[in-house]
Each structure stands twice: as structure tokens, then as C-alpha cells.
N, C-alpha and C. Protein backbone atom coordinates (compact mmCIF):
# COMPACT_ATOMS: atom_id res chain seq x y z
N MET A 1 0.85 -1.18 0.00
CA MET A 1 0.00 0.00 0.00
C MET A 1 0.89 1.23 0.00
N VAL A 2 0.55 2.22 -0.81
CA VAL A 2 1.34 3.43 -0.94
C VAL A 2 0.58 4.58 -0.29
N THR A 3 1.29 5.36 0.50
CA THR A 3 0.66 6.52 1.14
C THR A 3 0.53 7.64 0.13
N ALA A 4 -0.47 8.48 0.30
CA ALA A 4 -0.74 9.55 -0.64
C ALA A 4 0.24 10.71 -0.49
N LYS A 5 0.71 10.96 0.70
CA LYS A 5 1.53 12.14 0.94
C LYS A 5 2.94 12.02 0.37
N LYS A 6 3.64 10.94 0.68
CA LYS A 6 5.04 10.86 0.30
C LYS A 6 5.35 9.76 -0.69
N GLY A 7 4.35 8.94 -1.04
CA GLY A 7 4.59 7.88 -2.00
C GLY A 7 5.36 6.70 -1.45
N ARG A 8 5.51 6.65 -0.13
CA ARG A 8 6.21 5.53 0.48
C ARG A 8 5.27 4.37 0.69
N ARG A 9 5.82 3.18 0.64
CA ARG A 9 5.02 1.97 0.89
C ARG A 9 4.86 1.77 2.39
N VAL A 10 3.64 1.43 2.78
CA VAL A 10 3.36 1.10 4.16
C VAL A 10 3.37 -0.42 4.28
N ARG A 11 4.17 -0.93 5.17
CA ARG A 11 4.29 -2.37 5.34
C ARG A 11 3.12 -2.89 6.17
N ALA A 12 2.48 -3.93 5.68
CA ALA A 12 1.36 -4.53 6.40
C ALA A 12 1.90 -5.40 7.54
N VAL A 13 1.24 -5.31 8.69
CA VAL A 13 1.67 -6.05 9.88
C VAL A 13 0.47 -6.72 10.54
N TRP A 14 0.74 -7.81 11.25
CA TRP A 14 -0.28 -8.50 12.03
C TRP A 14 -0.31 -7.91 13.42
N GLU A 15 -1.51 -7.71 13.94
CA GLU A 15 -1.68 -7.21 15.30
C GLU A 15 -2.63 -8.16 16.04
N ARG A 16 -2.22 -8.57 17.21
CA ARG A 16 -3.01 -9.50 18.00
C ARG A 16 -4.06 -8.74 18.80
N GLY A 17 -5.28 -9.25 18.77
CA GLY A 17 -6.37 -8.64 19.53
C GLY A 17 -7.00 -9.65 20.46
N TYR A 18 -8.15 -9.31 20.98
CA TYR A 18 -8.88 -10.17 21.91
C TYR A 18 -9.69 -11.15 21.09
N TYR A 19 -9.27 -12.40 21.03
CA TYR A 19 -9.88 -13.48 20.24
C TYR A 19 -9.84 -13.21 18.74
N SER A 20 -8.88 -12.41 18.29
CA SER A 20 -8.74 -12.18 16.86
C SER A 20 -7.33 -11.66 16.56
N HIS A 21 -6.95 -11.75 15.30
CA HIS A 21 -5.71 -11.18 14.80
C HIS A 21 -6.11 -10.36 13.58
N SER A 22 -5.56 -9.14 13.46
CA SER A 22 -5.91 -8.26 12.34
C SER A 22 -4.67 -7.92 11.55
N TYR A 23 -4.86 -7.77 10.25
CA TYR A 23 -3.78 -7.44 9.31
C TYR A 23 -3.95 -5.98 8.91
N TRP A 24 -3.01 -5.14 9.28
CA TRP A 24 -3.11 -3.69 9.08
C TRP A 24 -2.02 -3.17 8.16
N ALA A 25 -2.39 -2.19 7.34
CA ALA A 25 -1.42 -1.41 6.56
C ALA A 25 -1.67 0.04 6.95
N GLY A 26 -0.86 0.54 7.85
CA GLY A 26 -1.11 1.88 8.38
C GLY A 26 -2.37 1.88 9.22
N LYS A 27 -3.34 2.72 8.85
CA LYS A 27 -4.61 2.79 9.57
C LYS A 27 -5.72 2.02 8.87
N LYS A 28 -5.38 1.31 7.81
CA LYS A 28 -6.38 0.56 7.05
C LYS A 28 -6.33 -0.92 7.41
N LYS A 29 -7.46 -1.47 7.83
CA LYS A 29 -7.53 -2.89 8.16
C LYS A 29 -7.75 -3.67 6.87
N LEU A 30 -6.85 -4.62 6.60
CA LEU A 30 -6.91 -5.39 5.38
C LEU A 30 -7.62 -6.73 5.56
N GLY A 31 -7.54 -7.30 6.75
CA GLY A 31 -8.18 -8.59 6.99
C GLY A 31 -8.11 -8.98 8.45
N THR A 32 -8.88 -10.03 8.80
CA THR A 32 -8.89 -10.51 10.18
C THR A 32 -8.96 -12.03 10.21
N VAL A 33 -8.48 -12.58 11.32
CA VAL A 33 -8.65 -13.99 11.65
C VAL A 33 -9.30 -14.00 13.02
N GLN A 34 -10.44 -14.68 13.14
CA GLN A 34 -11.18 -14.68 14.40
C GLN A 34 -11.28 -16.08 14.98
N LEU A 35 -11.28 -16.14 16.29
CA LEU A 35 -11.51 -17.37 17.04
C LEU A 35 -12.89 -17.28 17.66
N GLY A 36 -13.43 -18.39 18.05
CA GLY A 36 -14.72 -18.38 18.72
C GLY A 36 -14.58 -17.90 20.16
N PRO A 37 -15.69 -17.71 20.85
CA PRO A 37 -15.63 -17.27 22.24
C PRO A 37 -14.98 -18.32 23.14
N LYS A 38 -14.36 -17.85 24.22
CA LYS A 38 -13.68 -18.75 25.15
C LYS A 38 -14.68 -19.75 25.73
N GLY A 39 -14.31 -21.00 25.76
CA GLY A 39 -15.17 -22.05 26.27
C GLY A 39 -16.10 -22.64 25.23
N GLU A 40 -16.32 -21.92 24.13
CA GLU A 40 -17.20 -22.38 23.06
C GLU A 40 -16.46 -22.58 21.75
N TRP A 41 -15.14 -22.37 21.75
CA TRP A 41 -14.37 -22.41 20.51
C TRP A 41 -14.33 -23.81 19.95
N ASP A 42 -14.61 -23.95 18.67
CA ASP A 42 -14.68 -25.25 18.01
C ASP A 42 -13.38 -25.65 17.32
N GLY A 43 -12.32 -24.88 17.48
CA GLY A 43 -11.02 -25.23 16.89
C GLY A 43 -10.85 -24.77 15.46
N VAL A 44 -11.76 -23.93 14.96
CA VAL A 44 -11.69 -23.45 13.59
C VAL A 44 -11.35 -21.96 13.60
N TYR A 45 -10.38 -21.59 12.76
CA TYR A 45 -10.01 -20.18 12.60
C TYR A 45 -10.77 -19.63 11.39
N ARG A 46 -11.57 -18.60 11.59
CA ARG A 46 -12.35 -18.00 10.51
C ARG A 46 -11.67 -16.71 10.07
N TRP A 47 -11.39 -16.61 8.79
CA TRP A 47 -10.69 -15.44 8.27
C TRP A 47 -11.55 -14.69 7.27
N GLN A 48 -11.23 -13.39 7.11
CA GLN A 48 -11.93 -12.53 6.16
C GLN A 48 -10.96 -11.48 5.65
N ALA A 49 -10.95 -11.30 4.33
CA ALA A 49 -10.13 -10.27 3.69
C ALA A 49 -10.91 -9.74 2.49
N GLY A 50 -11.31 -8.50 2.56
CA GLY A 50 -12.13 -7.93 1.49
C GLY A 50 -13.45 -8.65 1.41
N THR A 51 -13.76 -9.21 0.26
CA THR A 51 -15.01 -9.94 0.08
C THR A 51 -14.81 -11.45 0.20
N HIS A 52 -13.60 -11.88 0.53
CA HIS A 52 -13.30 -13.30 0.65
C HIS A 52 -13.36 -13.73 2.11
N ILE A 53 -13.97 -14.89 2.36
CA ILE A 53 -14.01 -15.44 3.70
C ILE A 53 -13.68 -16.92 3.62
N GLY A 54 -13.25 -17.48 4.75
CA GLY A 54 -12.95 -18.91 4.76
C GLY A 54 -12.64 -19.39 6.16
N GLU A 55 -12.29 -20.66 6.24
CA GLU A 55 -11.95 -21.29 7.51
C GLU A 55 -10.65 -22.07 7.33
N ALA A 56 -9.90 -22.19 8.41
CA ALA A 56 -8.65 -22.95 8.40
C ALA A 56 -8.50 -23.68 9.72
N SER A 57 -7.68 -24.71 9.70
CA SER A 57 -7.49 -25.51 10.91
C SER A 57 -6.37 -24.99 11.80
N THR A 58 -5.47 -24.15 11.24
CA THR A 58 -4.39 -23.57 12.03
C THR A 58 -4.35 -22.07 11.85
N LEU A 59 -3.79 -21.38 12.83
CA LEU A 59 -3.66 -19.93 12.75
C LEU A 59 -2.74 -19.52 11.62
N ALA A 60 -1.65 -20.24 11.45
CA ALA A 60 -0.69 -19.92 10.38
C ALA A 60 -1.34 -20.04 9.00
N ALA A 61 -2.15 -21.07 8.81
CA ALA A 61 -2.84 -21.24 7.52
C ALA A 61 -3.85 -20.14 7.28
N ALA A 62 -4.57 -19.73 8.31
CA ALA A 62 -5.56 -18.66 8.17
C ALA A 62 -4.89 -17.34 7.84
N LYS A 63 -3.77 -17.04 8.51
CA LYS A 63 -3.03 -15.80 8.23
C LYS A 63 -2.50 -15.81 6.80
N GLN A 64 -2.03 -16.96 6.35
CA GLN A 64 -1.51 -17.07 4.99
C GLN A 64 -2.62 -16.82 3.97
N GLN A 65 -3.81 -17.32 4.22
CA GLN A 65 -4.94 -17.09 3.32
C GLN A 65 -5.29 -15.60 3.25
N VAL A 66 -5.27 -14.92 4.38
CA VAL A 66 -5.55 -13.48 4.40
C VAL A 66 -4.49 -12.75 3.58
N GLU A 67 -3.22 -13.06 3.80
CA GLU A 67 -2.14 -12.40 3.08
C GLU A 67 -2.25 -12.64 1.58
N GLN A 68 -2.59 -13.85 1.17
CA GLN A 68 -2.74 -14.16 -0.25
C GLN A 68 -3.93 -13.41 -0.85
N SER A 69 -5.03 -13.34 -0.12
CA SER A 69 -6.21 -12.64 -0.62
C SER A 69 -5.93 -11.15 -0.78
N VAL A 70 -5.20 -10.58 0.16
CA VAL A 70 -4.84 -9.16 0.06
C VAL A 70 -3.90 -8.95 -1.11
N ALA A 71 -2.94 -9.84 -1.29
CA ALA A 71 -1.95 -9.70 -2.37
C ALA A 71 -2.62 -9.78 -3.74
N PHE A 72 -3.65 -10.57 -3.87
CA PHE A 72 -4.33 -10.72 -5.16
C PHE A 72 -5.50 -9.77 -5.32
N GLY A 73 -5.64 -8.80 -4.42
CA GLY A 73 -6.71 -7.82 -4.55
C GLY A 73 -8.07 -8.40 -4.26
N ALA A 74 -8.30 -8.77 -3.02
CA ALA A 74 -9.53 -9.47 -2.65
C ALA A 74 -10.78 -8.61 -2.70
N SER A 75 -10.64 -7.30 -2.65
CA SER A 75 -11.84 -6.48 -2.62
C SER A 75 -12.41 -6.32 -4.03
N GLN A 76 -13.71 -6.37 -4.11
CA GLN A 76 -14.39 -6.20 -5.38
C GLN A 76 -15.00 -4.80 -5.47
N MET A 77 -15.17 -4.34 -6.67
CA MET A 77 -15.82 -3.06 -6.87
C MET A 77 -17.31 -3.23 -6.58
N GLY A 78 -17.90 -2.27 -5.93
CA GLY A 78 -19.30 -2.34 -5.59
C GLY A 78 -20.19 -2.43 -6.82
N LEU A 79 -21.33 -3.00 -6.67
CA LEU A 79 -22.24 -3.23 -7.79
C LEU A 79 -22.71 -1.93 -8.42
N PHE A 80 -22.98 -0.93 -7.62
CA PHE A 80 -23.52 0.32 -8.14
C PHE A 80 -22.54 1.47 -8.10
N ASP A 81 -21.27 1.18 -7.80
CA ASP A 81 -20.25 2.22 -7.80
C ASP A 81 -19.86 2.55 -9.24
N THR A 82 -19.65 3.81 -9.50
CA THR A 82 -19.21 4.23 -10.83
C THR A 82 -17.74 4.59 -10.76
N PRO A 83 -16.95 4.16 -11.72
CA PRO A 83 -15.52 4.53 -11.71
C PRO A 83 -15.37 6.01 -12.00
N GLU A 84 -14.40 6.59 -11.34
CA GLU A 84 -14.18 8.04 -11.51
C GLU A 84 -12.96 8.30 -12.35
């Protein structure tokens, strides 16, 4: 991701949260990996990046899926958005 002011690339980083991990590039959230609630967790990591969602059996696999989805441009253009 390139910043508008100086044209420098912002490196995306993982940040650990409460029952989730988020993938950030500056102040923009690119994707998340979520766990179920404590005591009710079924052992599945659910990830989301843009319009793509999925499940994985390990945290490393879920993070890799988020990174791949972001790298390939996971977000879609809205149905009624007009290009400018």
C-alpha cells in the first residue's frame, strides 16, 4: 500500500487482539482472523479479507490465506459504484 503524501510503501503487519488477529497497513484494516468465544471455541479459525471469507485448521494457515487474498486484490468493486 502506498501513502498519498510521500509515495512511500506502508508495510502490512499483524496485530493480535482479543480473540482475533488483524492485518493492518497503516490505519487501514486489510483482513482478520477470528476465534470463537472462550469455552465455546470449536477449533476453527475464521478469516476474512475484502469480500473473501474462509476457515482454516491452524492460525498460520488462516493468516496465509488473508495475506494471499490481500496480495491478489480481494476487494471487489461495488455493484452500483461508478468509476471516476
